[in-house]
PDB file of N, CA and C in Angstrom:
ATOM      1  N   MET A   1      82.225 151.476 152.574  1.00  0.00           N
ATOM      2  CA  MET A   1      82.773 150.462 151.700  1.00  0.00           C
ATOM      3  C   MET A   1      83.515 149.419 152.530  1.00  0.00           C
ATOM      4  N   ASP A   2      83.345 148.176 152.188  1.00  0.00           N
ATOM      5  CA  ASP A   2      84.046 147.100 152.874  1.00  0.00           C
ATOM      6  C   ASP A   2      85.524 147.089 152.493  1.00  0.00           C
ATOM      7  N   THR A   3      86.315 146.574 153.380  1.00  0.00           N
ATOM      8  CA  THR A   3      87.742 146.425 153.118  1.00  0.00           C
ATOM      9  C   THR A   3      87.953 145.256 152.167  1.00  0.00           C
ATOM     10  N   ILE A   4      88.826 145.459 151.197  1.00  0.00           N
ATOM     11  CA  ILE A   4      89.180 144.416 150.232  1.00  0.00           C
ATOM     12  C   ILE A   4      90.444 143.742 150.741  1.00  0.00           C
ATOM     13  N   ARG A   5      90.461 142.415 150.721  1.00  0.00           N
ATOM     14  CA  ARG A   5      91.622 141.646 151.194  1.00  0.00           C
ATOM     15  C   ARG A   5      92.108 140.712 150.093  1.00  0.00           C
ATOM     16  N   PHE A   6      93.429 140.663 149.925  1.00  0.00           N
ATOM     17  CA  PHE A   6      94.022 139.747 148.954  1.00  0.00           C
ATOM     18  C   PHE A   6      95.502 139.571 149.259  1.00  0.00           C
ATOM     19  N   ARG A   7      96.113 138.624 148.582  1.00  0.00           N
ATOM     20  CA  ARG A   7      97.544 138.334 148.725  1.00  0.00           C
ATOM     21  C   ARG A   7      98.165 138.425 147.329  1.00  0.00           C
ATOM     22  N   THR A   8      99.288 139.144 147.235  1.00  0.00           N
ATOM     23  CA  THR A   8      99.908 139.363 145.928  1.00  0.00           C
ATOM     24  C   THR A   8     101.392 139.704 146.100  1.00  0.00           C
ATOM     25  N   PRO A   9     102.207 139.473 145.067  1.00  0.00           N
ATOM     26  CA  PRO A   9     103.629 139.835 145.171  1.00  0.00           C
ATOM     27  C   PRO A   9     103.857 141.326 144.920  1.00  0.00           C
ATOM     28  N   ILE A  10     104.909 141.849 145.518  1.00  0.00           N
ATOM     29  CA  ILE A  10     105.377 143.209 145.225  1.00  0.00           C
ATOM     30  C   ILE A  10     106.276 143.099 143.995  1.00  0.00           C
ATOM     31  N   ARG A  11     106.085 144.002 143.031  1.00  0.00           N
ATOM     32  CA  ARG A  11     106.891 143.979 141.809  1.00  0.00           C
ATOM     33  C   ARG A  11     107.343 145.388 141.471  1.00  0.00           C
ATOM     34  N   TYR A  12     108.343 145.489 140.589  1.00  0.00           N
ATOM     35  CA  TYR A  12     108.735 146.797 140.078  1.00  0.00           C
ATOM     36  C   TYR A  12     107.740 147.210 138.998  1.00  0.00           C
ATOM     37  N   TRP A  13     107.417 148.511 138.940  1.00  0.00           N
ATOM     38  CA  TRP A  13     106.522 149.037 137.911  1.00  0.00           C
ATOM     39  C   TRP A  13     107.070 148.663 136.537  1.00  0.00           C
ATOM     40  N   ASN A  14     108.360 148.858 136.354  1.00  0.00           N
ATOM     41  CA  ASN A  14     109.020 148.498 135.098  1.00  0.00           C
ATOM     42  C   ASN A  14     110.011 147.374 135.400  1.00  0.00           C
ATOM     43  N   PRO A  15     109.590 146.110 135.239  1.00  0.00           N
ATOM     44  CA  PRO A  15     110.439 144.974 135.632  1.00  0.00           C
ATOM     45  C   PRO A  15     111.790 144.918 134.914  1.00  0.00           C
ATOM     46  N   GLU A  16     111.883 145.498 133.715  1.00  0.00           N
ATOM     47  CA  GLU A  16     113.146 145.464 132.978  1.00  0.00           C
ATOM     48  C   GLU A  16     114.235 146.269 133.687  1.00  0.00           C
ATOM     49  N   LYS A  17     113.853 147.286 134.460  1.00  0.00           N
ATOM     50  CA  LYS A  17     114.830 148.134 135.139  1.00  0.00           C
ATOM     51  C   LYS A  17     115.346 147.536 136.444  1.00  0.00           C
ATOM     52  N   GLN A  18     114.569 146.652 137.083  1.00  0.00           N
ATOM     53  CA  GLN A  18     114.931 146.081 138.377  1.00  0.00           C
ATOM     54  C   GLN A  18     115.254 147.167 139.392  1.00  0.00           C
ATOM     55  N   GLY A  19     114.444 148.207 139.368  1.00  0.00           N
ATOM     56  CA  GLY A  19     114.584 149.306 140.311  1.00  0.00           C
ATOM     57  C   GLY A  19     113.469 150.300 140.098  1.00  0.00           C
ATOM     58  N   GLY A  20     113.444 151.323 140.917  1.00  0.00           N
ATOM     59  CA  GLY A  20     112.428 152.359 140.772  1.00  0.00           C
ATOM     60  C   GLY A  20     111.164 152.046 141.544  1.00  0.00           C
ATOM     61  N   LEU A  21     110.043 152.509 141.027  1.00  0.00           N
ATOM     62  CA  LEU A  21     108.750 152.396 141.688  1.00  0.00           C
ATOM     63  C   LEU A  21     108.347 150.940 141.899  1.00  0.00           C
ATOM     64  N   ALA A  22     107.966 150.622 143.143  1.00  0.00           N
ATOM     65  CA  ALA A  22     107.443 149.291 143.477  1.00  0.00           C
ATOM     66  C   ALA A  22     105.924 149.385 143.571  1.00  0.00           C
ATOM     67  N   VAL A  23     105.239 148.343 143.108  1.00  0.00           N
ATOM     68  CA  VAL A  23     103.775 148.302 143.118  1.00  0.00           C
ATOM     69  C   VAL A  23     103.299 146.897 143.432  1.00  0.00           C
ATOM     70  N   ILE A  24     102.007 146.819 143.759  1.00  0.00           N
ATOM     71  CA  ILE A  24     101.319 145.532 143.794  1.00  0.00           C
ATOM     72  C   ILE A  24     100.104 145.671 142.896  1.00  0.00           C
ATOM     73  N   ASP A  25      99.727 144.600 142.234  1.00  0.00           N
ATOM     74  CA  ASP A  25      98.561 144.612 141.366  1.00  0.00           C
ATOM     75  C   ASP A  25      97.325 144.226 142.154  1.00  0.00           C
ATOM     76  N   VAL A  26      96.256 145.013 141.997  1.00  0.00           N
ATOM     77  CA  VAL A  26      94.971 144.704 142.606  1.00  0.00           C
ATOM     78  C   VAL A  26      94.312 143.639 141.732  1.00  0.00           C
ATOM     79  N   PRO A  27      93.884 142.508 142.308  1.00  0.00           N
ATOM     80  CA  PRO A  27      93.233 141.481 141.500  1.00  0.00           C
ATOM     81  C   PRO A  27      92.028 142.043 140.740  1.00  0.00           C
ATOM     82  N   ALA A  28      91.842 141.579 139.516  1.00  0.00           N
ATOM     83  CA  ALA A  28      90.795 142.089 138.624  1.00  0.00           C
ATOM     84  C   ALA A  28      89.412 142.095 139.265  1.00  0.00           C
ATOM     85  N   GLU A  29      89.116 141.106 140.106  1.00  0.00           N
ATOM     86  CA  GLU A  29      87.781 141.036 140.709  1.00  0.00           C
ATOM     87  C   GLU A  29      87.516 142.170 141.704  1.00  0.00           C
ATOM     88  N   HIS A  30      88.547 142.931 142.100  1.00  0.00           N
ATOM     89  CA  HIS A  30      88.382 144.024 143.047  1.00  0.00           C
ATOM     90  C   HIS A  30      88.430 145.413 142.404  1.00  0.00           C
ATOM     91  N   VAL A  31      88.769 145.492 141.122  1.00  0.00           N
ATOM     92  CA  VAL A  31      88.928 146.791 140.460  1.00  0.00           C
ATOM     93  C   VAL A  31      87.630 147.592 140.491  1.00  0.00           C
ATOM     94  N   ALA A  32      86.505 146.985 140.141  1.00  0.00           N
ATOM     95  CA  ALA A  32      85.219 147.706 140.129  1.00  0.00           C
ATOM     96  C   ALA A  32      84.852 148.183 141.532  1.00  0.00           C
ATOM     97  N   THR A  33      85.126 147.382 142.553  1.00  0.00           N
ATOM     98  CA  THR A  33      84.811 147.755 143.934  1.00  0.00           C
ATOM     99  C   THR A  33      85.574 149.009 144.346  1.00  0.00           C
ATOM    100  N   LEU A  34      86.793 149.164 143.838  1.00  0.00           N
ATOM    101  CA  LEU A  34      87.599 150.343 144.172  1.00  0.00           C
ATOM    102  C   LEU A  34      87.248 151.555 143.312  1.00  0.00           C
ATOM    103  N   GLY A  35      86.315 151.396 142.377  1.00  0.00           N
ATOM    104  CA  GLY A  35      85.896 152.537 141.561  1.00  0.00           C
ATOM    105  C   GLY A  35      86.379 152.508 140.137  1.00  0.00           C
ATOM    106  N   GLY A  36      86.964 151.396 139.703  1.00  0.00           N
ATOM    107  CA  GLY A  36      87.389 151.268 138.312  1.00  0.00           C
ATOM    108  C   GLY A  36      88.839 151.628 138.082  1.00  0.00           C
ATOM    109  N   LEU A  37      89.183 151.717 136.813  1.00  0.00           N
ATOM    110  CA  LEU A  37      90.569 151.947 136.400  1.00  0.00           C
ATOM    111  C   LEU A  37      90.891 153.434 136.376  1.00  0.00           C
ATOM    112  N   LYS A  38      91.018 154.011 137.569  1.00  0.00           N
ATOM    113  CA  LYS A  38      91.393 155.420 137.688  1.00  0.00           C
ATOM    114  C   LYS A  38      92.218 155.604 138.953  1.00  0.00           C
ATOM    115  N   GLN A  39      93.010 156.678 138.971  1.00  0.00           N
ATOM    116  CA  GLN A  39      93.830 156.954 140.139  1.00  0.00           C
ATOM    117  C   GLN A  39      92.948 157.435 141.281  1.00  0.00           C
ATOM    118  N   GLN A  40      93.185 156.905 142.472  1.00  0.00           N
ATOM    119  CA  GLN A  40      92.462 157.343 143.649  1.00  0.00           C
ATOM    120  C   GLN A  40      93.223 156.968 144.915  1.00  0.00           C
ATOM    121  N   ARG A  41      92.885 157.642 145.986  1.00  0.00           N
ATOM    122  CA  ARG A  41      93.536 157.447 147.285  1.00  0.00           C
ATOM    123  C   ARG A  41      92.930 156.233 147.970  1.00  0.00           C
ATOM    124  N   VAL A  42      93.786 155.435 148.621  1.00  0.00           N
ATOM    125  CA  VAL A  42      93.340 154.274 149.387  1.00  0.00           C
ATOM    126  C   VAL A  42      94.080 154.246 150.720  1.00  0.00           C
ATOM    127  N   HIS A  43      93.491 153.537 151.664  1.00  0.00           N
ATOM    128  CA  HIS A  43      94.076 153.363 152.990  1.00  0.00           C
ATOM    129  C   HIS A  43      93.971 151.887 153.334  1.00  0.00           C
ATOM    130  N   GLY A  44      94.919 151.378 154.098  1.00  0.00           N
ATOM    131  CA  GLY A  44      94.837 149.990 154.516  1.00  0.00           C
ATOM    132  C   GLY A  44      96.098 149.511 155.175  1.00  0.00           C
ATOM    133  N   THR A  45      96.373 148.207 155.001  1.00  0.00           N
ATOM    134  CA  THR A  45      97.584 147.608 155.550  1.00  0.00           C
ATOM    135  C   THR A  45      98.235 146.705 154.511  1.00  0.00           C
ATOM    136  N   ILE A  46      99.559 146.625 154.578  1.00  0.00           N
ATOM    137  CA  ILE A  46     100.310 145.607 153.840  1.00  0.00           C
ATOM    138  C   ILE A  46     101.160 144.898 154.879  1.00  0.00           C
ATOM    139  N   GLY A  47     101.034 143.594 154.914  1.00  0.00           N
ATOM    140  CA  GLY A  47     101.787 142.831 155.906  1.00  0.00           C
ATOM    141  C   GLY A  47     101.537 143.313 157.323  1.00  0.00           C
ATOM    142  N   GLY A  48     100.358 143.871 157.583  1.00  0.00           N
ATOM    143  CA  GLY A  48     100.010 144.368 158.908  1.00  0.00           C
ATOM    144  C   GLY A  48     100.418 145.804 159.179  1.00  0.00           C
ATOM    145  N   ALA A  49     101.204 146.418 158.291  1.00  0.00           N
ATOM    146  CA  ALA A  49     101.646 147.806 158.467  1.00  0.00           C
ATOM    147  C   ALA A  49     100.657 148.751 157.783  1.00  0.00           C
ATOM    148  N   GLU A  50     100.204 149.760 158.515  1.00  0.00           N
ATOM    149  CA  GLU A  50      99.217 150.701 158.000  1.00  0.00           C
ATOM    150  C   GLU A  50      99.834 151.650 156.973  1.00  0.00           C
ATOM    151  N   PHE A  51      99.039 152.057 155.965  1.00  0.00           N
ATOM    152  CA  PHE A  51      99.502 152.979 154.934  1.00  0.00           C
ATOM    153  C   PHE A  51      98.333 153.770 154.361  1.00  0.00           C
ATOM    154  N   THR A  52      98.664 154.870 153.701  1.00  0.00           N
ATOM    155  CA  THR A  52      97.771 155.595 152.796  1.00  0.00           C
ATOM    156  C   THR A  52      98.585 155.817 151.539  1.00  0.00           C
ATOM    157  N   SER A  53      98.009 155.483 150.371  1.00  0.00           N
ATOM    158  CA  SER A  53      98.738 155.571 149.118  1.00  0.00           C
ATOM    159  C   SER A  53      97.741 155.770 147.988  1.00  0.00           C
ATOM    160  N   ASN A  54      98.172 155.513 146.764  1.00  0.00           N
ATOM    161  CA  ASN A  54      97.318 155.656 145.587  1.00  0.00           C
ATOM    162  C   ASN A  54      97.272 154.373 144.782  1.00  0.00           C
ATOM    163  N   VAL A  55      96.098 154.079 144.222  1.00  0.00           N
ATOM    164  CA  VAL A  55      96.010 153.073 143.178  1.00  0.00           C
ATOM    165  C   VAL A  55      95.972 153.840 141.860  1.00  0.00           C
ATOM    166  N   MET A  56      96.457 153.200 140.796  1.00  0.00           N
ATOM    167  CA  MET A  56      96.536 153.857 139.494  1.00  0.00           C
ATOM    168  C   MET A  56      96.415 152.825 138.391  1.00  0.00           C
ATOM    169  N   PRO A  57      95.922 153.220 137.219  1.00  0.00           N
ATOM    170  CA  PRO A  57      95.873 152.290 136.087  1.00  0.00           C
ATOM    171  C   PRO A  57      97.292 151.842 135.743  1.00  0.00           C
ATOM    172  N   ALA A  58      97.433 150.535 135.461  1.00  0.00           N
ATOM    173  CA  ALA A  58      98.758 149.982 135.172  1.00  0.00           C
ATOM    174  C   ALA A  58      98.830 149.344 133.788  1.00  0.00           C
ATOM    175  N   GLY A  59      97.849 149.633 132.932  1.00  0.00           N
ATOM    176  CA  GLY A  59      97.823 149.073 131.584  1.00  0.00           C
ATOM    177  C   GLY A  59      97.271 147.663 131.577  1.00  0.00           C
ATOM    178  N   GLY A  60      96.720 147.264 130.474  1.00  0.00           N
ATOM    179  CA  GLY A  60      96.199 145.905 130.329  1.00  0.00           C
ATOM    180  C   GLY A  60      95.030 145.614 131.258  1.00  0.00           C
ATOM    181  N   GLY A  61      94.249 146.637 131.625  1.00  0.00           N
ATOM    182  CA  GLY A  61      93.109 146.434 132.509  1.00  0.00           C
ATOM    183  C   GLY A  61      93.479 146.210 133.962  1.00  0.00           C
ATOM    184  N   ARG A  62      94.726 146.551 134.323  1.00  0.00           N
ATOM    185  CA  ARG A  62      95.187 146.353 135.701  1.00  0.00           C
ATOM    186  C   ARG A  62      95.135 147.647 136.488  1.00  0.00           C
ATOM    187  N   LEU A  63      94.976 147.499 137.797  1.00  0.00           N
ATOM    188  CA  LEU A  63      95.053 148.602 138.745  1.00  0.00           C
ATOM    189  C   LEU A  63      96.183 148.252 139.699  1.00  0.00           C
ATOM    190  N   ALA A  64      97.107 149.195 139.918  1.00  0.00           N
ATOM    191  CA  ALA A  64      98.266 148.938 140.776  1.00  0.00           C
ATOM    192  C   ALA A  64      98.268 149.896 141.959  1.00  0.00           C
ATOM    193  N   LEU A  65      98.829 149.432 143.065  1.00  0.00           N
ATOM    194  CA  LEU A  65      99.002 150.213 144.285  1.00  0.00           C
ATOM    195  C   LEU A  65     100.483 150.518 144.430  1.00  0.00           C
ATOM    196  N   SER A  66     100.839 151.812 144.506  1.00  0.00           N
ATOM    197  CA  SER A  66     102.250 152.166 144.676  1.00  0.00           C
ATOM    198  C   SER A  66     102.684 151.851 146.105  1.00  0.00           C
ATOM    199  N   ILE A  67     103.876 151.282 146.223  1.00  0.00           N
ATOM    200  CA  ILE A  67     104.428 150.851 147.507  1.00  0.00           C
ATOM    201  C   ILE A  67     105.773 151.549 147.717  1.00  0.00           C
ATOM    202  N   SER A  68     105.847 152.416 148.707  1.00  0.00           N
ATOM    203  CA  SER A  68     107.096 153.128 148.976  1.00  0.00           C
ATOM    204  C   SER A  68     108.083 152.227 149.724  1.00  0.00           C
ATOM    205  N   LYS A  69     109.351 152.643 149.737  1.00  0.00           N
ATOM    206  CA  LYS A  69     110.365 151.912 150.497  1.00  0.00           C
ATOM    207  C   LYS A  69     110.011 151.898 151.980  1.00  0.00           C
ATOM    208  N   ALA A  70     109.476 153.014 152.478  1.00  0.00           N
ATOM    209  CA  ALA A  70     109.075 153.079 153.888  1.00  0.00           C
ATOM    210  C   ALA A  70     107.956 152.088 154.185  1.00  0.00           C
ATOM    211  N   MET A  71     107.003 151.952 153.252  1.00  0.00           N
ATOM    212  CA  MET A  71     105.916 150.982 153.436  1.00  0.00           C
ATOM    213  C   MET A  71     106.471 149.562 153.486  1.00  0.00           C
ATOM    214  N   MET A  72     107.398 149.257 152.566  1.00  0.00           N
ATOM    215  CA  MET A  72     107.987 147.908 152.559  1.00  0.00           C
ATOM    216  C   MET A  72     108.760 147.654 153.847  1.00  0.00           C
ATOM    217  N   LYS A  73     109.517 148.649 154.306  1.00  0.00           N
ATOM    218  CA  LYS A  73     110.290 148.486 155.542  1.00  0.00           C
ATOM    219  C   LYS A  73     109.356 148.231 156.725  1.00  0.00           C
ATOM    220  N   SER A  74     108.279 148.999 156.832  1.00  0.00           N
ATOM    221  CA  SER A  74     107.308 148.818 157.922  1.00  0.00           C
ATOM    222  C   SER A  74     106.675 147.439 157.892  1.00  0.00           C
ATOM    223  N   ALA A  75     106.464 146.912 156.670  1.00  0.00           N
ATOM    224  CA  ALA A  75     105.839 145.598 156.507  1.00  0.00           C
ATOM    225  C   ALA A  75     106.856 144.460 156.589  1.00  0.00           C
ATOM    226  N   GLY A  76     108.160 144.797 156.625  1.00  0.00           N
ATOM    227  CA  GLY A  76     109.192 143.771 156.623  1.00  0.00           C
ATOM    228  C   GLY A  76     109.199 142.996 155.316  1.00  0.00           C
ATOM    229  N   ALA A  77     108.957 143.709 154.210  1.00  0.00           N
ATOM    230  CA  ALA A  77     108.840 143.064 152.902  1.00  0.00           C
ATOM    231  C   ALA A  77     109.763 143.739 151.893  1.00  0.00           C
ATOM    232  N   ALA A  78     109.955 143.060 150.766  1.00  0.00           N
ATOM    233  CA  ALA A  78     110.793 143.578 149.690  1.00  0.00           C
ATOM    234  C   ALA A  78     110.170 143.195 148.356  1.00  0.00           C
ATOM    235  N   VAL A  79     110.652 143.819 147.293  1.00  0.00           N
ATOM    236  CA  VAL A  79     110.194 143.462 145.953  1.00  0.00           C
ATOM    237  C   VAL A  79     110.418 141.970 145.754  1.00  0.00           C
ATOM    238  N   GLY A  80     109.396 141.296 145.236  1.00  0.00           N
ATOM    239  CA  GLY A  80     109.447 139.855 145.028  1.00  0.00           C
ATOM    240  C   GLY A  80     108.707 139.080 146.106  1.00  0.00           C
ATOM    241  N   ASP A  81     108.508 139.692 147.277  1.00  0.00           N
ATOM    242  CA  ASP A  81     107.783 139.026 148.360  1.00  0.00           C
ATOM    243  C   ASP A  81     106.281 139.060 148.092  1.00  0.00           C
ATOM    244  N   GLU A  82     105.592 138.006 148.473  1.00  0.00           N
ATOM    245  CA  GLU A  82     104.132 137.992 148.429  1.00  0.00           C
ATOM    246  C   GLU A  82     103.639 138.534 149.759  1.00  0.00           C
ATOM    247  N   ILE A  83     102.634 139.405 149.713  1.00  0.00           N
ATOM    248  CA  ILE A  83     102.210 140.132 150.911  1.00  0.00           C
ATOM    249  C   ILE A  83     100.689 140.134 151.046  1.00  0.00           C
ATOM    250  N   GLU A  84     100.227 140.134 152.293  1.00  0.00           N
ATOM    251  CA  GLU A  84      98.795 140.271 152.601  1.00  0.00           C
ATOM    252  C   GLU A  84      98.433 141.745 152.505  1.00  0.00           C
ATOM    253  N   VAL A  85      97.343 142.050 151.804  1.00  0.00           N
ATOM    254  CA  VAL A  85      96.923 143.430 151.581  1.00  0.00           C
ATOM    255  C   VAL A  85      95.465 143.600 151.997  1.00  0.00           C
ATOM    256  N   GLU A  86      95.181 144.698 152.668  1.00  0.00           N
ATOM    257  CA  GLU A  86      93.812 145.122 152.967  1.00  0.00           C
ATOM    258  C   GLU A  86      93.717 146.578 152.557  1.00  0.00           C
ATOM    259  N   ILE A  87      92.740 146.918 151.690  1.00  0.00           N
ATOM    260  CA  ILE A  87      92.595 148.314 151.271  1.00  0.00           C
ATOM    261  C   ILE A  87      91.127 148.709 151.183  1.00  0.00           C
ATOM    262  N   SER A  88      90.910 150.006 151.319  1.00  0.00           N
ATOM    263  CA  SER A  88      89.603 150.602 151.057  1.00  0.00           C
ATOM    264  C   SER A  88      89.839 152.009 150.529  1.00  0.00           C
ATOM    265  N   ARG A  89      88.894 152.528 149.748  1.00  0.00           N
ATOM    266  CA  ARG A  89      89.030 153.864 149.197  1.00  0.00           C
ATOM    267  C   ARG A  89      88.927 154.898 150.313  1.00  0.00           C
ATOM    268  N   VAL A  90      89.696 155.968 150.196  1.00  0.00           N
ATOM    269  CA  VAL A  90      89.641 157.068 151.151  1.00  0.00           C
ATOM    270  C   VAL A  90      88.497 157.991 150.734  1.00  0.00           C
ATOM    271  N   GLY A  91      87.656 158.348 151.714  1.00  0.00           N
ATOM    272  CA  GLY A  91      86.580 159.289 151.453  1.00  0.00           C
ATOM    273  C   GLY A  91      85.347 158.703 150.827  1.00  0.00           C
ATOM    274  N   HIS A  92      85.224 157.376 150.797  1.00  0.00           N
ATOM    275  CA  HIS A  92      84.051 156.715 150.250  1.00  0.00           C
ATOM    276  C   HIS A  92      83.543 155.705 151.259  1.00  0.00           C
ATOM    277  N   ASP A  93      82.226 155.553 151.325  1.00  0.00           N
ATOM    278  CA  ASP A  93      81.627 154.563 152.234  1.00  0.00           C
ATOM    279  C   ASP A  93      81.354 153.276 151.506  1.00  0.00           C
TER     280      ASP A  93
END
């Protein structure tokens, strides 16, 4: 499988709380390439920092990538920052 590349902001899963789980939304045009609206393992980079994480359905036809504090620190990014993302599914060609 080819690597998917896009740029998107980091946001809180629940924006009303202004805390908790941070995610980025996978653009709609890439959801089918990643296997659809289901949870699965992905590998790639955010802001040049390597990671392995999960994408998951985020409601409203969206797929989100969970972003840990360690991932943000490695990328030199924070919630609200727009970041370069490269991802591919783990275990799929």
